[in-house]
Amino acid sequence: MSWMQSFVDICIKGGFFMIPLFTVALAGIVLMVERLLYLRENRIDSDQFHFELKTALKENSIDQAIALAARTKGVIGRVLQEGLLRIKAGETDVNVATEKIILSEMMTMEKSRGWIVNMSQIAPLLGILGTVWGLVVAFMTIEKTASTDPRLLAGGIYQALITTVAGLLIAIPLIIFQEHLRKQTNQILGLLDLYLVEIKEWLAHNGKTGSGEHA
């Protein structure tokens, strides 16, 4: 396959800095796959869940609401199940009932996101560093050979620029995925807030406090 051979040749010409760039690319792929699996785990039919939750609360069937949360996968299911169980045990503040589980879930939600941001910043910097280093080597070679052949300089420059191209090719998908991950995470948290408000209103309707704002 000629395209594969060309790709390998270009990578080899990129020099030593292609090694850390490939390491960053591999780490980025692993992190993106891990987060995609996490988002898949948290995918629910929000409209159907909202309807079933409101129905259970209108019927004052907290056991039905707990069962609904228990069979719902991801952050939303775990947080609501924990909160409803504590409310059933006598807790009247939704925030207190869910504070600990929400903090735990937030740590899980953010654990790989920071690394993806770091990888998207490191890749272009490595690429630029590789280019600068390549240019230094090219000019040192020209100085030693005392050659004025422009082809020698052009060859050194294009080899040096390979690392910049590689760094950008790694960083751009990571930046796009980072934004996608941010939007999906905010959507999950927005739905969770909506469902917690439903529980607060149910508590208030039944004469309990349900006080406080969800942070």
N, C-alpha and C. Protein backbone atom coordinates (compact mmCIF):
# COMPACT_ATOMS: atom_id res chain seq x y z
N MET A 1 0.85 -1.20 0.00
CA MET A 1 0.00 0.00 0.00
C MET A 1 0.89 1.25 0.00
N SER A 2 0.87 1.99 -1.12
CA SER A 2 1.77 3.12 -1.29
C SER A 2 1.49 4.23 -0.28
N TRP A 3 0.19 4.45 0.05
CA TRP A 3 -0.14 5.53 0.97
C TRP A 3 0.40 5.24 2.36
N MET A 4 0.41 3.95 2.74
CA MET A 4 0.95 3.58 4.04
C MET A 4 2.46 3.78 4.08
N GLN A 5 3.12 3.42 2.98
CA GLN A 5 4.56 3.61 2.91
C GLN A 5 4.91 5.09 2.95
N SER A 6 4.10 5.91 2.26
CA SER A 6 4.34 7.35 2.27
C SER A 6 4.15 7.92 3.67
N PHE A 7 3.12 7.44 4.36
CA PHE A 7 2.86 7.90 5.73
C PHE A 7 4.03 7.55 6.65
N VAL A 8 4.53 6.32 6.53
CA VAL A 8 5.67 5.89 7.36
C VAL A 8 6.90 6.73 7.05
N ASP A 9 7.13 6.98 5.76
CA ASP A 9 8.30 7.78 5.37
C ASP A 9 8.22 9.19 5.95
N ILE A 10 7.03 9.79 5.89
CA ILE A 10 6.86 11.13 6.44
C ILE A 10 7.11 11.14 7.94
N CYS A 11 6.58 10.13 8.63
CA CYS A 11 6.78 10.05 10.08
C CYS A 11 8.25 9.90 10.43
N ILE A 12 8.97 9.10 9.64
CA ILE A 12 10.40 8.92 9.89
C ILE A 12 11.15 10.23 9.67
N LYS A 13 10.78 10.95 8.62
CA LYS A 13 11.43 12.22 8.33
C LYS A 13 11.14 13.27 9.40
N GLY A 14 10.04 13.09 10.12
CA GLY A 14 9.71 14.03 11.19
C GLY A 14 10.69 14.00 12.34
N GLY A 15 11.43 12.90 12.46
CA GLY A 15 12.48 12.83 13.46
C GLY A 15 12.01 12.39 14.84
N PHE A 16 12.86 12.64 15.82
CA PHE A 16 12.66 12.16 17.18
C PHE A 16 11.35 12.65 17.79
N PHE A 17 10.95 13.88 17.49
CA PHE A 17 9.77 14.46 18.13
C PHE A 17 8.47 13.78 17.70
N MET A 18 8.52 12.93 16.68
CA MET A 18 7.33 12.18 16.30
C MET A 18 6.98 11.13 17.36
N ILE A 19 7.98 10.70 18.13
CA ILE A 19 7.72 9.68 19.17
C ILE A 19 6.81 10.22 20.27
N PRO A 20 7.15 11.37 20.90
CA PRO A 20 6.20 11.90 21.91
C PRO A 20 4.86 12.31 21.30
N LEU A 21 4.87 12.75 20.04
CA LEU A 21 3.61 13.11 19.39
C LEU A 21 2.72 11.89 19.22
N PHE A 22 3.30 10.76 18.82
CA PHE A 22 2.51 9.53 18.71
C PHE A 22 2.02 9.07 20.08
N THR A 23 2.84 9.28 21.11
CA THR A 23 2.42 8.92 22.47
C THR A 23 1.21 9.74 22.90
N VAL A 24 1.26 11.05 22.61
CA VAL A 24 0.13 11.93 22.94
C VAL A 24 -1.11 11.52 22.15
N ALA A 25 -0.92 11.18 20.86
CA ALA A 25 -2.05 10.77 20.02
C ALA A 25 -2.69 9.50 20.56
N LEU A 26 -1.86 8.53 20.95
CA LEU A 26 -2.38 7.28 21.49
C LEU A 26 -3.13 7.50 22.79
N ALA A 27 -2.56 8.32 23.67
CA ALA A 27 -3.22 8.63 24.95
C ALA A 27 -4.54 9.35 24.70
N GLY A 28 -4.55 10.27 23.73
CA GLY A 28 -5.78 10.99 23.40
C GLY A 28 -6.87 10.06 22.90
N ILE A 29 -6.51 9.10 22.07
CA ILE A 29 -7.49 8.14 21.55
C ILE A 29 -8.07 7.31 22.68
N VAL A 30 -7.22 6.84 23.57
CA VAL A 30 -7.68 6.04 24.71
C VAL A 30 -8.65 6.84 25.57
N LEU A 31 -8.31 8.08 25.86
CA LEU A 31 -9.16 8.94 26.69
C LEU A 31 -10.50 9.22 26.01
N MET A 32 -10.47 9.45 24.70
CA MET A 32 -11.72 9.73 23.98
C MET A 32 -12.63 8.50 23.97
N VAL A 33 -12.06 7.33 23.76
CA VAL A 33 -12.86 6.10 23.78
C VAL A 33 -13.48 5.89 25.15
N GLU A 34 -12.68 6.12 26.20
CA GLU A 34 -13.19 5.95 27.57
C GLU A 34 -14.35 6.90 27.85
N ARG A 35 -14.23 8.14 27.41
CA ARG A 35 -15.30 9.12 27.62
C ARG A 35 -16.53 8.82 26.76
N LEU A 36 -16.31 8.32 25.55
CA LEU A 36 -17.45 7.94 24.71
C LEU A 36 -18.25 6.81 25.35
N LEU A 37 -17.55 5.86 25.94
CA LEU A 37 -18.24 4.77 26.65
C LEU A 37 -18.99 5.31 27.86
N TYR A 38 -18.41 6.30 28.53
CA TYR A 38 -19.07 6.92 29.68
C TYR A 38 -20.34 7.64 29.24
N LEU A 39 -20.27 8.39 28.15
CA LEU A 39 -21.45 9.10 27.64
C LEU A 39 -22.52 8.11 27.19
N ARG A 40 -22.09 7.00 26.61
CA ARG A 40 -23.05 5.97 26.18
C ARG A 40 -23.77 5.39 27.39
N GLU A 41 -23.05 5.20 28.48
CA GLU A 41 -23.65 4.66 29.70
C GLU A 41 -24.71 5.61 30.25
N ASN A 42 -24.52 6.91 30.03
CA ASN A 42 -25.42 7.92 30.59
C ASN A 42 -26.54 8.34 29.64
N ARG A 43 -26.66 7.67 28.51
CA ARG A 43 -27.70 8.03 27.54
C ARG A 43 -29.04 7.44 27.99
N ILE A 44 -30.04 8.31 28.16
CA ILE A 44 -31.37 7.84 28.55
C ILE A 44 -32.42 8.55 27.71
N ASP A 45 -33.62 8.00 27.73
CA ASP A 45 -34.76 8.66 27.09
C ASP A 45 -35.30 9.67 28.11
N SER A 46 -34.85 10.91 28.00
CA SER A 46 -35.15 11.91 29.03
C SER A 46 -36.64 12.21 29.15
N ASP A 47 -37.33 12.27 28.01
CA ASP A 47 -38.77 12.58 28.05
C ASP A 47 -39.56 11.47 28.74
N GLN A 48 -39.24 10.22 28.39
CA GLN A 48 -39.93 9.08 29.00
C GLN A 48 -39.64 9.00 30.49
N PHE A 49 -38.37 9.23 30.86
CA PHE A 49 -38.00 9.17 32.27
C PHE A 49 -38.72 10.27 33.05
N HIS A 50 -38.75 11.48 32.49
CA HIS A 50 -39.41 12.59 33.15
C HIS A 50 -40.89 12.30 33.38
N PHE A 51 -41.54 11.73 32.37
CA PHE A 51 -42.96 11.39 32.48
C PHE A 51 -43.19 10.36 33.57
N GLU A 52 -42.36 9.31 33.60
CA GLU A 52 -42.54 8.26 34.59
C GLU A 52 -42.24 8.76 36.00
N LEU A 53 -41.26 9.65 36.13
CA LEU A 53 -40.94 10.20 37.45
C LEU A 53 -42.10 11.06 37.97
N LYS A 54 -42.63 11.93 37.11
CA LYS A 54 -43.75 12.78 37.50
C LYS A 54 -44.97 11.94 37.86
N THR A 55 -45.20 10.87 37.12
CA THR A 55 -46.33 10.00 37.40
C THR A 55 -46.20 9.35 38.77
N ALA A 56 -44.99 8.85 39.06
CA ALA A 56 -44.75 8.19 40.35
C ALA A 56 -44.92 9.18 41.50
N LEU A 57 -44.43 10.40 41.33
CA LEU A 57 -44.53 11.39 42.39
C LEU A 57 -45.97 11.87 42.59
N LYS A 58 -46.71 12.01 41.50
CA LYS A 58 -48.11 12.41 41.61
C LYS A 58 -48.93 11.37 42.37
N GLU A 59 -48.54 10.11 42.20
CA GLU A 59 -49.23 9.03 42.90
C GLU A 59 -48.68 8.83 44.31
N ASN A 60 -47.74 9.72 44.71
CA ASN A 60 -47.09 9.60 46.02
C ASN A 60 -46.46 8.23 46.24
N SER A 61 -45.97 7.64 45.16
CA SER A 61 -45.35 6.31 45.25
C SER A 61 -43.84 6.46 45.17
N ILE A 62 -43.23 6.71 46.31
CA ILE A 62 -41.78 6.88 46.32
C ILE A 62 -41.07 5.59 45.97
N ASP A 63 -41.69 4.44 46.32
CA ASP A 63 -41.09 3.16 45.95
C ASP A 63 -41.05 2.99 44.44
N GLN A 64 -42.08 3.46 43.76
CA GLN A 64 -42.09 3.41 42.30
C GLN A 64 -41.01 4.31 41.71
N ALA A 65 -40.82 5.48 42.32
CA ALA A 65 -39.78 6.39 41.86
C ALA A 65 -38.39 5.81 42.10
N ILE A 66 -38.22 5.14 43.23
CA ILE A 66 -36.93 4.50 43.52
C ILE A 66 -36.65 3.38 42.52
N ALA A 67 -37.67 2.59 42.21
CA ALA A 67 -37.51 1.51 41.25
C ALA A 67 -37.15 2.07 39.87
N LEU A 68 -37.77 3.19 39.50
CA LEU A 68 -37.46 3.84 38.22
C LEU A 68 -36.00 4.28 38.18
N ALA A 69 -35.54 4.90 39.26
CA ALA A 69 -34.14 5.34 39.32
C ALA A 69 -33.19 4.15 39.30
N ALA A 70 -33.57 3.06 39.97
CA ALA A 70 -32.71 1.89 40.06
C ALA A 70 -32.47 1.25 38.70
N ARG A 71 -33.47 1.29 37.82
CA ARG A 71 -33.30 0.67 36.51
C ARG A 71 -32.81 1.66 35.44
N THR A 72 -32.52 2.89 35.87
CA THR A 72 -31.98 3.89 34.96
C THR A 72 -30.47 3.93 35.11
N LYS A 73 -29.78 3.76 34.00
CA LYS A 73 -28.33 3.68 34.06
C LYS A 73 -27.69 5.07 34.16
N GLY A 74 -26.45 5.10 34.61
CA GLY A 74 -25.67 6.32 34.61
C GLY A 74 -25.85 7.19 35.84
N VAL A 75 -25.33 8.42 35.71
CA VAL A 75 -25.32 9.38 36.82
C VAL A 75 -26.71 9.68 37.32
N ILE A 76 -27.65 9.93 36.43
CA ILE A 76 -29.00 10.32 36.82
C ILE A 76 -29.65 9.24 37.67
N GLY A 77 -29.54 8.01 37.24
CA GLY A 77 -30.14 6.92 38.00
C GLY A 77 -29.53 6.76 39.38
N ARG A 78 -28.20 6.84 39.45
CA ARG A 78 -27.53 6.63 40.74
C ARG A 78 -27.83 7.76 41.72
N VAL A 79 -27.80 9.01 41.22
CA VAL A 79 -28.06 10.15 42.11
C VAL A 79 -29.49 10.14 42.63
N LEU A 80 -30.45 9.93 41.73
CA LEU A 80 -31.85 9.95 42.15
C LEU A 80 -32.18 8.78 43.07
N GLN A 81 -31.60 7.62 42.78
CA GLN A 81 -31.86 6.47 43.66
C GLN A 81 -31.35 6.74 45.07
N GLU A 82 -30.13 7.26 45.17
CA GLU A 82 -29.58 7.56 46.50
C GLU A 82 -30.42 8.62 47.20
N GLY A 83 -30.78 9.69 46.47
CA GLY A 83 -31.57 10.76 47.08
C GLY A 83 -32.93 10.29 47.54
N LEU A 84 -33.62 9.51 46.70
CA LEU A 84 -34.96 9.04 47.05
C LEU A 84 -34.92 8.06 48.22
N LEU A 85 -33.89 7.25 48.29
CA LEU A 85 -33.77 6.32 49.41
C LEU A 85 -33.59 7.09 50.72
N ARG A 86 -32.81 8.15 50.68
CA ARG A 86 -32.60 8.94 51.90
C ARG A 86 -33.86 9.74 52.26
N ILE A 87 -34.59 10.18 51.24
CA ILE A 87 -35.86 10.88 51.51
C ILE A 87 -36.87 9.91 52.12
N LYS A 88 -36.88 8.69 51.62
CA LYS A 88 -37.78 7.67 52.17
C LYS A 88 -37.43 7.39 53.63
N ALA A 89 -36.12 7.50 53.95
CA ALA A 89 -35.68 7.24 55.33
C ALA A 89 -35.94 8.42 56.26
N GLY A 90 -36.44 9.55 55.71
CA GLY A 90 -36.81 10.66 56.56
C GLY A 90 -36.16 11.99 56.23
N GLU A 91 -35.20 12.01 55.31
CA GLU A 91 -34.56 13.27 54.93
C GLU A 91 -35.57 14.15 54.19
N THR A 92 -35.55 15.45 54.49
CA THR A 92 -36.51 16.37 53.86
C THR A 92 -35.84 17.39 52.94
N ASP A 93 -34.51 17.40 52.89
CA ASP A 93 -33.78 18.34 52.04
C ASP A 93 -33.15 17.56 50.89
N VAL A 94 -33.56 17.85 49.67
CA VAL A 94 -33.05 17.14 48.51
C VAL A 94 -31.54 17.34 48.35
N ASN A 95 -31.06 18.55 48.64
CA ASN A 95 -29.63 18.83 48.51
C ASN A 95 -28.80 17.98 49.45
N VAL A 96 -29.24 17.91 50.70
CA VAL A 96 -28.53 17.09 51.68
C VAL A 96 -28.57 15.62 51.28
N ALA A 97 -29.72 15.21 50.75
CA ALA A 97 -29.89 13.80 50.38
C ALA A 97 -29.00 13.39 49.21
N THR A 98 -28.63 14.35 48.35
CA THR A 98 -27.88 14.01 47.14
C THR A 98 -26.48 14.60 47.09
N GLU A 99 -26.12 15.40 48.07
CA GLU A 99 -24.85 16.12 48.02
C GLU A 99 -23.65 15.18 47.87
N LYS A 100 -23.58 14.16 48.69
CA LYS A 100 -22.41 13.27 48.68
C LYS A 100 -22.31 12.50 47.37
N ILE A 101 -23.41 11.95 46.89
CA ILE A 101 -23.38 11.17 45.66
C ILE A 101 -23.08 12.06 44.45
N ILE A 102 -23.57 13.31 44.47
CA ILE A 102 -23.29 14.22 43.36
C ILE A 102 -21.81 14.57 43.31
N LEU A 103 -21.19 14.83 44.46
CA LEU A 103 -19.76 15.12 44.49
C LEU A 103 -18.95 13.94 43.97
N SER A 104 -19.36 12.73 44.34
CA SER A 104 -18.67 11.53 43.86
C SER A 104 -18.81 11.38 42.35
N GLU A 105 -20.01 11.60 41.84
CA GLU A 105 -20.24 11.47 40.40
C GLU A 105 -19.52 12.57 39.62
N MET A 106 -19.44 13.77 40.18
CA MET A 106 -18.74 14.85 39.50
C MET A 106 -17.25 14.54 39.34
N MET A 107 -16.67 13.90 40.34
CA MET A 107 -15.27 13.50 40.25
C MET A 107 -15.07 12.50 39.12
N THR A 108 -15.98 11.54 39.01
CA THR A 108 -15.90 10.57 37.92
C THR A 108 -16.12 11.24 36.57
N MET A 109 -17.02 12.19 36.53
CA MET A 109 -17.37 12.87 35.28
C MET A 109 -16.19 13.70 34.75
N GLU A 110 -15.39 14.24 35.66
CA GLU A 110 -14.31 15.14 35.26
C GLU A 110 -12.94 14.47 35.21
N LYS A 111 -12.86 13.19 35.53
CA LYS A 111 -11.54 12.58 35.74
C LYS A 111 -10.68 12.54 34.47
N SER A 112 -11.26 12.37 33.30
CA SER A 112 -10.48 12.30 32.07
C SER A 112 -10.54 13.59 31.26
N ARG A 113 -11.49 14.44 31.58
CA ARG A 113 -11.69 15.66 30.79
C ARG A 113 -10.46 16.57 30.85
N GLY A 114 -9.88 16.71 32.03
CA GLY A 114 -8.71 17.55 32.19
C GLY A 114 -7.53 17.05 31.39
N TRP A 115 -7.36 15.71 31.33
CA TRP A 115 -6.27 15.14 30.56
C TRP A 115 -6.45 15.39 29.07
N ILE A 116 -7.69 15.35 28.59
CA ILE A 116 -7.95 15.63 27.17
C ILE A 116 -7.57 17.07 26.84
N VAL A 117 -7.91 17.99 27.75
CA VAL A 117 -7.52 19.39 27.56
C VAL A 117 -6.01 19.52 27.50
N ASN A 118 -5.31 18.82 28.41
CA ASN A 118 -3.85 18.88 28.44
C ASN A 118 -3.24 18.34 27.15
N MET A 119 -3.79 17.22 26.66
CA MET A 119 -3.27 16.63 25.43
C MET A 119 -3.46 17.56 24.24
N SER A 120 -4.60 18.24 24.19
CA SER A 120 -4.87 19.15 23.08
C SER A 120 -3.94 20.37 23.11
N GLN A 121 -3.40 20.70 24.28
CA GLN A 121 -2.47 21.82 24.40
C GLN A 121 -1.02 21.38 24.18
N ILE A 122 -0.70 20.16 24.62
CA ILE A 122 0.66 19.66 24.52
C ILE A 122 1.03 19.34 23.07
N ALA A 123 0.09 18.76 22.31
CA ALA A 123 0.39 18.29 20.95
C ALA A 123 0.94 19.40 20.05
N PRO A 124 0.25 20.56 19.93
CA PRO A 124 0.81 21.60 19.05
C PRO A 124 2.12 22.18 19.56
N LEU A 125 2.29 22.22 20.89
CA LEU A 125 3.55 22.72 21.45
C LEU A 125 4.70 21.78 21.10
N LEU A 126 4.46 20.48 21.19
CA LEU A 126 5.48 19.52 20.77
C LEU A 126 5.79 19.66 19.29
N GLY A 127 4.74 19.88 18.50
CA GLY A 127 4.94 20.05 17.06
C GLY A 127 5.80 21.27 16.75
N ILE A 128 5.53 22.39 17.42
CA ILE A 128 6.31 23.60 17.20
C ILE A 128 7.75 23.41 17.68
N LEU A 129 7.91 22.74 18.82
CA LEU A 129 9.25 22.47 19.33
C LEU A 129 10.04 21.62 18.35
N GLY A 130 9.39 20.60 17.78
CA GLY A 130 10.05 19.76 16.80
C GLY A 130 10.46 20.55 15.56
N THR A 131 9.61 21.47 15.14
CA THR A 131 9.91 22.30 13.97
C THR A 131 11.09 23.22 14.24
N VAL A 132 11.08 23.88 15.39
CA VAL A 132 12.18 24.78 15.74
C VAL A 132 13.49 24.02 15.82
N TRP A 133 13.44 22.84 16.44
CA TRP A 133 14.64 22.01 16.54
C TRP A 133 15.14 21.60 15.14
N GLY A 134 14.22 21.23 14.28
CA GLY A 134 14.59 20.84 12.92
C GLY A 134 15.21 21.98 12.15
N LEU A 135 14.69 23.18 12.34
CA LEU A 135 15.26 24.35 11.66
C LEU A 135 16.67 24.65 12.16
N VAL A 136 16.87 24.50 13.47
CA VAL A 136 18.20 24.71 14.04
C VAL A 136 19.19 23.72 13.42
N VAL A 137 18.79 22.46 13.34
CA VAL A 137 19.66 21.43 12.74
C VAL A 137 19.93 21.74 11.28
N ALA A 138 18.90 22.17 10.54
CA ALA A 138 19.07 22.47 9.12
C ALA A 138 20.06 23.61 8.90
N PHE A 139 19.93 24.67 9.69
CA PHE A 139 20.85 25.80 9.53
C PHE A 139 22.26 25.44 9.99
N MET A 140 22.38 24.60 11.00
CA MET A 140 23.71 24.15 11.42
C MET A 140 24.38 23.33 10.32
N THR A 141 23.57 22.51 9.62
CA THR A 141 24.10 21.72 8.51
C THR A 141 24.59 22.62 7.38
N ILE A 142 23.81 23.64 7.07
CA ILE A 142 24.19 24.58 6.02
C ILE A 142 25.48 25.31 6.40
N GLU A 143 25.60 25.67 7.68
CA GLU A 143 26.80 26.36 8.13
C GLU A 143 28.03 25.47 8.00
N LYS A 144 27.88 24.20 8.35
CA LYS A 144 29.02 23.28 8.30
C LYS A 144 29.44 22.99 6.87
N THR A 145 28.48 22.87 5.97
CA THR A 145 28.80 22.52 4.58
C THR A 145 29.10 23.74 3.74
N ALA A 146 28.77 24.92 4.27
CA ALA A 146 28.97 26.17 3.54
C ALA A 146 28.28 26.14 2.18
N SER A 147 27.13 25.45 2.14
CA SER A 147 26.40 25.32 0.88
C SER A 147 25.37 26.43 0.75
N THR A 148 25.19 26.91 -0.46
CA THR A 148 24.16 27.93 -0.74
C THR A 148 23.03 27.32 -1.56
N ASP A 149 22.99 26.00 -1.64
CA ASP A 149 21.97 25.33 -2.42
C ASP A 149 20.62 25.47 -1.71
N PRO A 150 19.63 26.15 -2.32
CA PRO A 150 18.33 26.34 -1.65
C PRO A 150 17.59 25.04 -1.41
N ARG A 151 17.92 24.01 -2.21
CA ARG A 151 17.24 22.72 -2.01
C ARG A 151 17.60 22.10 -0.67
N LEU A 152 18.82 22.32 -0.23
CA LEU A 152 19.23 21.79 1.07
C LEU A 152 18.44 22.44 2.19
N LEU A 153 18.27 23.77 2.12
CA LEU A 153 17.49 24.48 3.13
C LEU A 153 16.02 24.10 3.06
N ALA A 154 15.47 24.01 1.83
CA ALA A 154 14.06 23.66 1.69
C ALA A 154 13.77 22.28 2.24
N GLY A 155 14.68 21.33 1.97
CA GLY A 155 14.49 19.97 2.48
C GLY A 155 14.49 19.92 3.99
N GLY A 156 15.39 20.67 4.62
CA GLY A 156 15.43 20.70 6.08
C GLY A 156 14.20 21.34 6.68
N ILE A 157 13.70 22.39 6.02
CA ILE A 157 12.52 23.09 6.54
C ILE A 157 11.28 22.22 6.43
N TYR A 158 11.07 21.55 5.29
CA TYR A 158 9.84 20.75 5.16
C TYR A 158 9.85 19.57 6.11
N GLN A 159 11.04 19.01 6.37
CA GLN A 159 11.12 17.92 7.34
C GLN A 159 10.77 18.45 8.74
N ALA A 160 11.25 19.65 9.04
CA ALA A 160 10.96 20.23 10.36
C ALA A 160 9.48 20.53 10.53
N LEU A 161 8.81 20.97 9.46
CA LEU A 161 7.40 21.34 9.54
C LEU A 161 6.48 20.13 9.71
N ILE A 162 6.99 18.95 9.46
CA ILE A 162 6.18 17.73 9.62
C ILE A 162 5.65 17.62 11.05
N THR A 163 6.48 17.97 12.02
CA THR A 163 6.05 17.85 13.42
C THR A 163 4.94 18.85 13.75
N THR A 164 5.00 20.04 13.16
CA THR A 164 3.92 21.01 13.38
C THR A 164 2.61 20.50 12.82
N VAL A 165 2.65 19.95 11.62
CA VAL A 165 1.45 19.37 11.02
C VAL A 165 0.91 18.24 11.88
N ALA A 166 1.80 17.37 12.36
CA ALA A 166 1.38 16.25 13.21
C ALA A 166 0.74 16.76 14.49
N GLY A 167 1.34 17.78 15.10
CA GLY A 167 0.79 18.33 16.34
C GLY A 167 -0.60 18.90 16.15
N LEU A 168 -0.82 19.60 15.03
CA LEU A 168 -2.13 20.17 14.76
C LEU A 168 -3.16 19.08 14.44
N LEU A 169 -2.74 18.05 13.72
CA LEU A 169 -3.66 16.96 13.39
C LEU A 169 -4.10 16.20 14.64
N ILE A 170 -3.26 16.20 15.65
CA ILE A 170 -3.62 15.56 16.92
C ILE A 170 -4.50 16.48 17.75
N ALA A 171 -4.13 17.77 17.80
CA ALA A 171 -4.82 18.71 18.69
C ALA A 171 -6.24 19.03 18.24
N ILE A 172 -6.45 19.19 16.93
CA ILE A 172 -7.76 19.63 16.44
C ILE A 172 -8.88 18.65 16.81
N PRO A 173 -8.73 17.33 16.56
CA PRO A 173 -9.80 16.41 16.99
C PRO A 173 -10.01 16.40 18.49
N LEU A 174 -8.94 16.56 19.26
CA LEU A 174 -9.07 16.58 20.72
C LEU A 174 -9.87 17.81 21.18
N ILE A 175 -9.62 18.95 20.54
CA ILE A 175 -10.36 20.17 20.90
C ILE A 175 -11.83 20.03 20.54
N ILE A 176 -12.11 19.47 19.36
CA ILE A 176 -13.51 19.27 18.96
C ILE A 176 -14.21 18.31 19.91
N PHE A 177 -13.53 17.21 20.26
CA PHE A 177 -14.13 16.24 21.18
C PHE A 177 -14.32 16.84 22.56
N GLN A 178 -13.37 17.66 22.99
CA GLN A 178 -13.50 18.31 24.30
C GLN A 178 -14.76 19.15 24.37
N GLU A 179 -15.07 19.88 23.30
CA GLU A 179 -16.28 20.70 23.28
C GLU A 179 -17.53 19.83 23.28
N HIS A 180 -17.48 18.73 22.52
CA HIS A 180 -18.61 17.79 22.50
C HIS A 180 -18.84 17.21 23.89
N LEU A 181 -17.76 16.84 24.55
CA LEU A 181 -17.85 16.27 25.90
C LEU A 181 -18.43 17.30 26.87
N ARG A 182 -18.02 18.55 26.74
CA ARG A 182 -18.54 19.60 27.63
C ARG A 182 -20.05 19.76 27.46
N LYS A 183 -20.51 19.78 26.21
CA LYS A 183 -21.93 19.94 25.95
C LYS A 183 -22.74 18.76 26.47
N GLN A 184 -22.23 17.55 26.26
CA GLN A 184 -22.94 16.37 26.72
C GLN A 184 -22.98 16.30 28.25
N THR A 185 -21.89 16.69 28.89
CA THR A 185 -21.85 16.71 30.36
C THR A 185 -22.83 17.72 30.92
N ASN A 186 -22.87 18.90 30.31
CA ASN A 186 -23.82 19.92 30.76
C ASN A 186 -25.26 19.47 30.56
N GLN A 187 -25.50 18.73 29.49
CA GLN A 187 -26.85 18.22 29.25
C GLN A 187 -27.26 17.23 30.34
N ILE A 188 -26.35 16.35 30.72
CA ILE A 188 -26.63 15.39 31.79
C ILE A 188 -26.94 16.12 33.10
N LEU A 189 -26.11 17.11 33.43
CA LEU A 189 -26.32 17.86 34.67
C LEU A 189 -27.61 18.67 34.62
N GLY A 190 -27.95 19.19 33.44
CA GLY A 190 -29.20 19.94 33.29
C GLY A 190 -30.41 19.06 33.52
N LEU A 191 -30.39 17.85 32.97
CA LEU A 191 -31.49 16.91 33.19
C LEU A 191 -31.58 16.52 34.66
N LEU A 192 -30.42 16.30 35.28
CA LEU A 192 -30.41 15.94 36.70
C LEU A 192 -31.03 17.04 37.54
N ASP A 193 -30.69 18.28 37.25
CA ASP A 193 -31.29 19.41 37.98
C ASP A 193 -32.81 19.45 37.79
N LEU A 194 -33.25 19.18 36.57
CA LEU A 194 -34.68 19.18 36.28
C LEU A 194 -35.41 18.14 37.13
N TYR A 195 -34.85 16.95 37.19
CA TYR A 195 -35.51 15.88 37.96
C TYR A 195 -35.46 16.16 39.46
N LEU A 196 -34.38 16.77 39.93
CA LEU A 196 -34.30 17.11 41.35
C LEU A 196 -35.32 18.20 41.71
N VAL A 197 -35.57 19.12 40.78
CA VAL A 197 -36.60 20.14 41.02
C VAL A 197 -37.97 19.47 41.15
N GLU A 198 -38.23 18.47 40.34
CA GLU A 198 -39.51 17.74 40.43
C GLU A 198 -39.66 17.13 41.82
N ILE A 199 -38.58 16.58 42.35
CA ILE A 199 -38.64 15.96 43.68
C ILE A 199 -38.82 17.03 44.76
N LYS A 200 -38.15 18.19 44.60
CA LYS A 200 -38.32 19.29 45.55
C LYS A 200 -39.78 19.77 45.59
N GLU A 201 -40.36 19.91 44.42
CA GLU A 201 -41.75 20.37 44.35
C GLU A 201 -42.69 19.34 44.97
N TRP A 202 -42.38 18.07 44.78
CA TRP A 202 -43.20 17.02 45.39
C TRP A 202 -43.10 17.08 46.91
N LEU A 203 -41.88 17.31 47.42
CA LEU A 203 -41.69 17.42 48.86
C LEU A 203 -42.45 18.63 49.41
N ALA A 204 -42.36 19.76 48.70
CA ALA A 204 -43.06 20.96 49.14
C ALA A 204 -44.57 20.74 49.13
N HIS A 205 -45.06 20.04 48.13
CA HIS A 205 -46.50 19.78 48.02
C HIS A 205 -46.99 18.89 49.16
N ASN A 206 -46.09 18.04 49.64
CA ASN A 206 -46.47 17.13 50.72
C ASN A 206 -46.12 17.69 52.11
N GLY A 207 -45.84 19.00 52.16
CA GLY A 207 -45.64 19.65 53.45
C GLY A 207 -44.26 19.52 54.03
N LYS A 208 -43.26 19.06 53.22
CA LYS A 208 -41.89 18.96 53.72
C LYS A 208 -41.13 20.15 53.16
N THR A 209 -39.94 20.37 53.68
CA THR A 209 -39.22 21.59 53.32
C THR A 209 -38.62 21.54 51.92
N GLY A 210 -37.79 20.54 51.68
CA GLY A 210 -37.12 20.44 50.39
C GLY A 210 -36.32 21.68 50.09
N SER A 211 -35.81 22.33 51.12
CA SER A 211 -35.17 23.65 50.95
C SER A 211 -33.80 23.54 50.36
N GLY A 212 -33.28 24.70 49.95
CA GLY A 212 -31.90 24.79 49.45
C GLY A 212 -31.86 24.78 47.95
N GLU A 213 -30.75 25.25 47.43
CA GLU A 213 -30.50 25.28 45.99
C GLU A 213 -29.46 24.24 45.67
N HIS A 214 -29.70 23.53 44.58
CA HIS A 214 -28.73 22.52 44.15
C HIS A 214 -27.51 23.19 43.52
N ALA A 215 -26.34 22.85 44.03
CA ALA A 215 -25.12 23.46 43.49
C ALA A 215 -24.57 22.62 42.38
